[in-house]
Amino acid sequence: MIDDDGWIRGDEGELLMWIPLTHRPNLHRPRNIWVAGKHETRLDLSNFVRGRSWTSCIDS
């Protein structure tokens, strides 16, 4: 879920990633069946790393 400031938060409220305003309305989410709009956005999280190891994704 995205909060009012555009942050996707983890289960304990930790900040995971920020989504720019332009992309929030048409962001594909796991529960979406269909998304249509000028700025349709899909996130590729195949190399997503969080926490203290976040810099390890730079070379991947």
PDB file of N, CA and C in Angstrom:
ATOM      1  N   MET A   1       0.836  -1.175   0.000  1.00  0.00           N
ATOM      2  CA  MET A   1       0.000   0.000   0.000  1.00  0.00           C
ATOM      3  C   MET A   1       0.892   1.253   0.000  1.00  0.00           C
ATOM      4  N   ILE A   2       0.454   2.257  -0.721  1.00  0.00           N
ATOM      5  CA  ILE A   2       1.209   3.503  -0.791  1.00  0.00           C
ATOM      6  C   ILE A   2       0.545   4.512   0.139  1.00  0.00           C
ATOM      7  N   ASP A   3       1.359   5.150   0.981  1.00  0.00           N
ATOM      8  CA  ASP A   3       0.796   6.152   1.891  1.00  0.00           C
ATOM      9  C   ASP A   3       0.578   7.477   1.161  1.00  0.00           C
ATOM     10  N   ASP A   4       0.049   8.463   1.851  1.00  0.00           N
ATOM     11  CA  ASP A   4      -0.273   9.760   1.234  1.00  0.00           C
ATOM     12  C   ASP A   4       0.941  10.501   0.696  1.00  0.00           C
ATOM     13  N   ASP A   5       2.133  10.175   1.197  1.00  0.00           N
ATOM     14  CA  ASP A   5       3.360  10.821   0.739  1.00  0.00           C
ATOM     15  C   ASP A   5       4.048  10.048  -0.382  1.00  0.00           C
ATOM     16  N   GLY A   6       3.471   8.914  -0.804  1.00  0.00           N
ATOM     17  CA  GLY A   6       4.023   8.136  -1.905  1.00  0.00           C
ATOM     18  C   GLY A   6       4.960   7.026  -1.493  1.00  0.00           C
ATOM     19  N   TRP A   7       5.049   6.725  -0.203  1.00  0.00           N
ATOM     20  CA  TRP A   7       5.946   5.667   0.272  1.00  0.00           C
ATOM     21  C   TRP A   7       5.234   4.317   0.337  1.00  0.00           C
ATOM     22  N   ILE A   8       5.913   3.286  -0.162  1.00  0.00           N
ATOM     23  CA  ILE A   8       5.479   1.914   0.068  1.00  0.00           C
ATOM     24  C   ILE A   8       6.189   1.484   1.336  1.00  0.00           C
ATOM     25  N   ARG A   9       5.420   0.981   2.278  1.00  0.00           N
ATOM     26  CA  ARG A   9       5.962   0.611   3.594  1.00  0.00           C
ATOM     27  C   ARG A   9       5.895  -0.893   3.799  1.00  0.00           C
ATOM     28  N   GLY A  10       6.818  -1.378   4.622  1.00  0.00           N
ATOM     29  CA  GLY A  10       6.844  -2.784   4.983  1.00  0.00           C
ATOM     30  C   GLY A  10       5.820  -3.096   6.063  1.00  0.00           C
ATOM     31  N   ASP A  11       5.784  -4.344   6.489  1.00  0.00           N
ATOM     32  CA  ASP A  11       4.820  -4.811   7.488  1.00  0.00           C
ATOM     33  C   ASP A  11       4.907  -4.061   8.806  1.00  0.00           C
ATOM     34  N   GLU A  12       6.079  -3.583   9.140  1.00  0.00           N
ATOM     35  CA  GLU A  12       6.269  -2.874  10.409  1.00  0.00           C
ATOM     36  C   GLU A  12       6.343  -1.359  10.216  1.00  0.00           C
ATOM     37  N   GLY A  13       5.896  -0.872   9.063  1.00  0.00           N
ATOM     38  CA  GLY A  13       5.877   0.558   8.794  1.00  0.00           C
ATOM     39  C   GLY A  13       7.178   1.124   8.259  1.00  0.00           C
ATOM     40  N   GLU A  14       8.179   0.292   8.029  1.00  0.00           N
ATOM     41  CA  GLU A  14       9.460   0.780   7.522  1.00  0.00           C
ATOM     42  C   GLU A  14       9.319   1.232   6.064  1.00  0.00           C
ATOM     43  N   LEU A  15      10.061   2.274   5.690  1.00  0.00           N
ATOM     44  CA  LEU A  15      10.026   2.797   4.326  1.00  0.00           C
ATOM     45  C   LEU A  15      10.769   1.847   3.399  1.00  0.00           C
ATOM     46  N   LEU A  16      10.115   1.429   2.318  1.00  0.00           N
ATOM     47  CA  LEU A  16      10.750   0.528   1.362  1.00  0.00           C
ATOM     48  C   LEU A  16      11.151   1.251   0.079  1.00  0.00           C
ATOM     49  N   MET A  17      10.222   2.008  -0.497  1.00  0.00           N
ATOM     50  CA  MET A  17      10.542   2.764  -1.702  1.00  0.00           C
ATOM     51  C   MET A  17       9.521   3.876  -1.881  1.00  0.00           C
ATOM     52  N   TRP A  18       9.953   4.939  -2.583  1.00  0.00           N
ATOM     53  CA  TRP A  18       9.081   6.080  -2.838  1.00  0.00           C
ATOM     54  C   TRP A  18       8.645   6.063  -4.295  1.00  0.00           C
ATOM     55  N   ILE A  19       7.364   6.300  -4.534  1.00  0.00           N
ATOM     56  CA  ILE A  19       6.813   6.313  -5.885  1.00  0.00           C
ATOM     57  C   ILE A  19       6.471   7.757  -6.260  1.00  0.00           C
ATOM     58  N   PRO A  20       7.010   8.283  -7.367  1.00  0.00           N
ATOM     59  CA  PRO A  20       6.688   9.647  -7.795  1.00  0.00           C
ATOM     60  C   PRO A  20       5.180   9.815  -8.047  1.00  0.00           C
ATOM     61  N   LEU A  21       4.686  11.006  -7.810  1.00  0.00           N
ATOM     62  CA  LEU A  21       3.263  11.318  -7.919  1.00  0.00           C
ATOM     63  C   LEU A  21       2.672  10.905  -9.267  1.00  0.00           C
ATOM     64  N   THR A  22       3.390  11.142 -10.349  1.00  0.00           N
ATOM     65  CA  THR A  22       2.917  10.813 -11.695  1.00  0.00           C
ATOM     66  C   THR A  22       2.571   9.336 -11.843  1.00  0.00           C
ATOM     67  N   HIS A  23       3.280   8.471 -11.137  1.00  0.00           N
ATOM     68  CA  HIS A  23       3.124   7.030 -11.320  1.00  0.00           C
ATOM     69  C   HIS A  23       2.185   6.369 -10.304  1.00  0.00           C
ATOM     70  N   ARG A  24       1.792   7.059  -9.276  1.00  0.00           N
ATOM     71  CA  ARG A  24       0.957   6.457  -8.224  1.00  0.00           C
ATOM     72  C   ARG A  24      -0.411   5.983  -8.699  1.00  0.00           C
ATOM     73  N   PRO A  25      -1.149   6.784  -9.497  1.00  0.00           N
ATOM     74  CA  PRO A  25      -2.500   6.344  -9.866  1.00  0.00           C
ATOM     75  C   PRO A  25      -2.538   5.086 -10.732  1.00  0.00           C
ATOM     76  N   ASN A  26      -1.511   4.848 -11.543  1.00  0.00           N
ATOM     77  CA  ASN A  26      -1.519   3.735 -12.496  1.00  0.00           C
ATOM     78  C   ASN A  26      -0.430   2.703 -12.214  1.00  0.00           C
ATOM     79  N   LEU A  27      -0.069   2.565 -10.966  1.00  0.00           N
ATOM     80  CA  LEU A  27       0.953   1.597 -10.572  1.00  0.00           C
ATOM     81  C   LEU A  27       0.337   0.209 -10.466  1.00  0.00           C
ATOM     82  N   HIS A  28       0.969  -0.760 -11.116  1.00  0.00           N
ATOM     83  CA  HIS A  28       0.516  -2.146 -11.003  1.00  0.00           C
ATOM     84  C   HIS A  28       0.780  -2.616  -9.579  1.00  0.00           C
ATOM     85  N   ARG A  29      -0.236  -3.160  -8.956  1.00  0.00           N
ATOM     86  CA  ARG A  29      -0.124  -3.708  -7.603  1.00  0.00           C
ATOM     87  C   ARG A  29      -0.588  -5.147  -7.644  1.00  0.00           C
ATOM     88  N   PRO A  30      -0.174  -5.967  -6.685  1.00  0.00           N
ATOM     89  CA  PRO A  30      -0.552  -7.390  -6.716  1.00  0.00           C
ATOM     90  C   PRO A  30      -2.059  -7.642  -6.824  1.00  0.00           C
ATOM     91  N   ARG A  31      -2.877  -6.777  -6.280  1.00  0.00           N
ATOM     92  CA  ARG A  31      -4.330  -6.992  -6.313  1.00  0.00           C
ATOM     93  C   ARG A  31      -5.016  -6.387  -7.528  1.00  0.00           C
ATOM     94  N   ASN A  32      -4.258  -5.681  -8.380  1.00  0.00           N
ATOM     95  CA  ASN A  32      -4.863  -5.103  -9.584  1.00  0.00           C
ATOM     96  C   ASN A  32      -5.227  -6.192 -10.577  1.00  0.00           C
ATOM     97  N   ILE A  33      -6.384  -6.035 -11.194  1.00  0.00           N
ATOM     98  CA  ILE A  33      -6.777  -6.919 -12.291  1.00  0.00           C
ATOM     99  C   ILE A  33      -6.403  -6.259 -13.611  1.00  0.00           C
ATOM    100  N   TRP A  34      -6.590  -4.926 -13.668  1.00  0.00           N
ATOM    101  CA  TRP A  34      -6.328  -4.195 -14.898  1.00  0.00           C
ATOM    102  C   TRP A  34      -5.934  -2.767 -14.548  1.00  0.00           C
ATOM    103  N   VAL A  35      -4.950  -2.246 -15.247  1.00  0.00           N
ATOM    104  CA  VAL A  35      -4.513  -0.863 -15.052  1.00  0.00           C
ATOM    105  C   VAL A  35      -4.425  -0.213 -16.421  1.00  0.00           C
ATOM    106  N   ALA A  36      -5.026   0.960 -16.551  1.00  0.00           N
ATOM    107  CA  ALA A  36      -4.957   1.687 -17.818  1.00  0.00           C
ATOM    108  C   ALA A  36      -4.697   3.155 -17.505  1.00  0.00           C
ATOM    109  N   GLY A  37      -3.928   3.782 -18.326  1.00  0.00           N
ATOM    110  CA  GLY A  37      -3.661   5.195 -18.118  1.00  0.00           C
ATOM    111  C   GLY A  37      -2.463   5.631 -18.931  1.00  0.00           C
ATOM    112  N   LYS A  38      -2.244   6.922 -18.949  1.00  0.00           N
ATOM    113  CA  LYS A  38      -1.151   7.496 -19.720  1.00  0.00           C
ATOM    114  C   LYS A  38       0.202   7.069 -19.177  1.00  0.00           C
ATOM    115  N   HIS A  39       0.308   6.919 -17.859  1.00  0.00           N
ATOM    116  CA  HIS A  39       1.588   6.579 -17.240  1.00  0.00           C
ATOM    117  C   HIS A  39       1.513   5.233 -16.534  1.00  0.00           C
ATOM    118  N   GLU A  40       1.144   4.205 -17.271  1.00  0.00           N
ATOM    119  CA  GLU A  40       1.096   2.864 -16.696  1.00  0.00           C
ATOM    120  C   GLU A  40       2.491   2.502 -16.194  1.00  0.00           C
ATOM    121  N   THR A  41       2.594   2.034 -14.955  1.00  0.00           N
ATOM    122  CA  THR A  41       3.890   1.767 -14.343  1.00  0.00           C
ATOM    123  C   THR A  41       3.948   0.369 -13.766  1.00  0.00           C
ATOM    124  N   ARG A  42       4.980  -0.368 -14.148  1.00  0.00           N
ATOM    125  CA  ARG A  42       5.256  -1.691 -13.572  1.00  0.00           C
ATOM    126  C   ARG A  42       6.633  -1.624 -12.924  1.00  0.00           C
ATOM    127  N   LEU A  43       6.747  -2.202 -11.750  1.00  0.00           N
ATOM    128  CA  LEU A  43       8.031  -2.226 -11.055  1.00  0.00           C
ATOM    129  C   LEU A  43       8.683  -3.588 -11.244  1.00  0.00           C
ATOM    130  N   ASP A  44       9.948  -3.589 -11.594  1.00  0.00           N
ATOM    131  CA  ASP A  44      10.731  -4.824 -11.663  1.00  0.00           C
ATOM    132  C   ASP A  44      11.497  -4.922 -10.354  1.00  0.00           C
ATOM    133  N   LEU A  45      11.048  -5.800  -9.476  1.00  0.00           N
ATOM    134  CA  LEU A  45      11.682  -5.948  -8.167  1.00  0.00           C
ATOM    135  C   LEU A  45      12.587  -7.176  -8.100  1.00  0.00           C
ATOM    136  N   SER A  46      12.990  -7.694  -9.265  1.00  0.00           N
ATOM    137  CA  SER A  46      13.815  -8.908  -9.283  1.00  0.00           C
ATOM    138  C   SER A  46      15.180  -8.689  -8.618  1.00  0.00           C
ATOM    139  N   ASN A  47      15.684  -7.452  -8.589  1.00  0.00           N
ATOM    140  CA  ASN A  47      16.963  -7.155  -7.932  1.00  0.00           C
ATOM    141  C   ASN A  47      16.788  -6.249  -6.720  1.00  0.00           C
ATOM    142  N   PHE A  48      15.569  -6.152  -6.220  1.00  0.00           N
ATOM    143  CA  PHE A  48      15.279  -5.273  -5.090  1.00  0.00           C
ATOM    144  C   PHE A  48      15.981  -5.768  -3.826  1.00  0.00           C
ATOM    145  N   VAL A  49      16.696  -4.869  -3.186  1.00  0.00           N
ATOM    146  CA  VAL A  49      17.387  -5.187  -1.934  1.00  0.00           C
ATOM    147  C   VAL A  49      17.047  -4.079  -0.949  1.00  0.00           C
ATOM    148  N   ARG A  50      16.757  -4.442   0.288  1.00  0.00           N
ATOM    149  CA  ARG A  50      16.431  -3.430   1.288  1.00  0.00           C
ATOM    150  C   ARG A  50      17.300  -3.618   2.519  1.00  0.00           C
ATOM    151  N   GLY A  51      17.201  -2.679   3.401  1.00  0.00           N
ATOM    152  CA  GLY A  51      17.978  -2.758   4.630  1.00  0.00           C
ATOM    153  C   GLY A  51      19.414  -2.326   4.403  1.00  0.00           C
ATOM    154  N   ARG A  52      20.290  -2.794   5.248  1.00  0.00           N
ATOM    155  CA  ARG A  52      21.693  -2.377   5.188  1.00  0.00           C
ATOM    156  C   ARG A  52      22.431  -2.860   3.947  1.00  0.00           C
ATOM    157  N   SER A  53      21.876  -3.839   3.251  1.00  0.00           N
ATOM    158  CA  SER A  53      22.539  -4.388   2.066  1.00  0.00           C
ATOM    159  C   SER A  53      22.059  -3.763   0.771  1.00  0.00           C
ATOM    160  N   TRP A  54      21.335  -2.639   0.845  1.00  0.00           N
ATOM    161  CA  TRP A  54      20.736  -2.069  -0.356  1.00  0.00           C
ATOM    162  C   TRP A  54      21.755  -1.726  -1.437  1.00  0.00           C
ATOM    163  N   THR A  55      22.983  -1.401  -1.075  1.00  0.00           N
ATOM    164  CA  THR A  55      23.990  -1.028  -2.085  1.00  0.00           C
ATOM    165  C   THR A  55      24.435  -2.216  -2.925  1.00  0.00           C
ATOM    166  N   SER A  56      24.150  -3.429  -2.513  1.00  0.00           N
ATOM    167  CA  SER A  56      24.561  -4.606  -3.284  1.00  0.00           C
ATOM    168  C   SER A  56      23.816  -4.712  -4.616  1.00  0.00           C
ATOM    169  N   CYS A  57      22.715  -4.018  -4.794  1.00  0.00           N
ATOM    170  CA  CYS A  57      21.960  -4.102  -6.051  1.00  0.00           C
ATOM    171  C   CYS A  57      22.563  -3.240  -7.150  1.00  0.00           C
ATOM    172  N   ILE A  58      23.500  -2.364  -6.821  1.00  0.00           N
ATOM    173  CA  ILE A  58      24.078  -1.446  -7.804  1.00  0.00           C
ATOM    174  C   ILE A  58      24.789  -2.192  -8.931  1.00  0.00           C
ATOM    175  N   ASP A  59      25.486  -3.273  -8.625  1.00  0.00           N
ATOM    176  CA  ASP A  59      26.243  -4.006  -9.642  1.00  0.00           C
ATOM    177  C   ASP A  59      25.460  -5.120 -10.287  1.00  0.00           C
ATOM    178  N   SER A  60      24.189  -5.284  -9.930  1.00  0.00           N
ATOM    179  CA  SER A  60      23.432  -6.410 -10.493  1.00  0.00           C
ATOM    180  C   SER A  60      22.641  -6.019 -11.719  1.00  0.00           C
TER     181      SER A  60
END
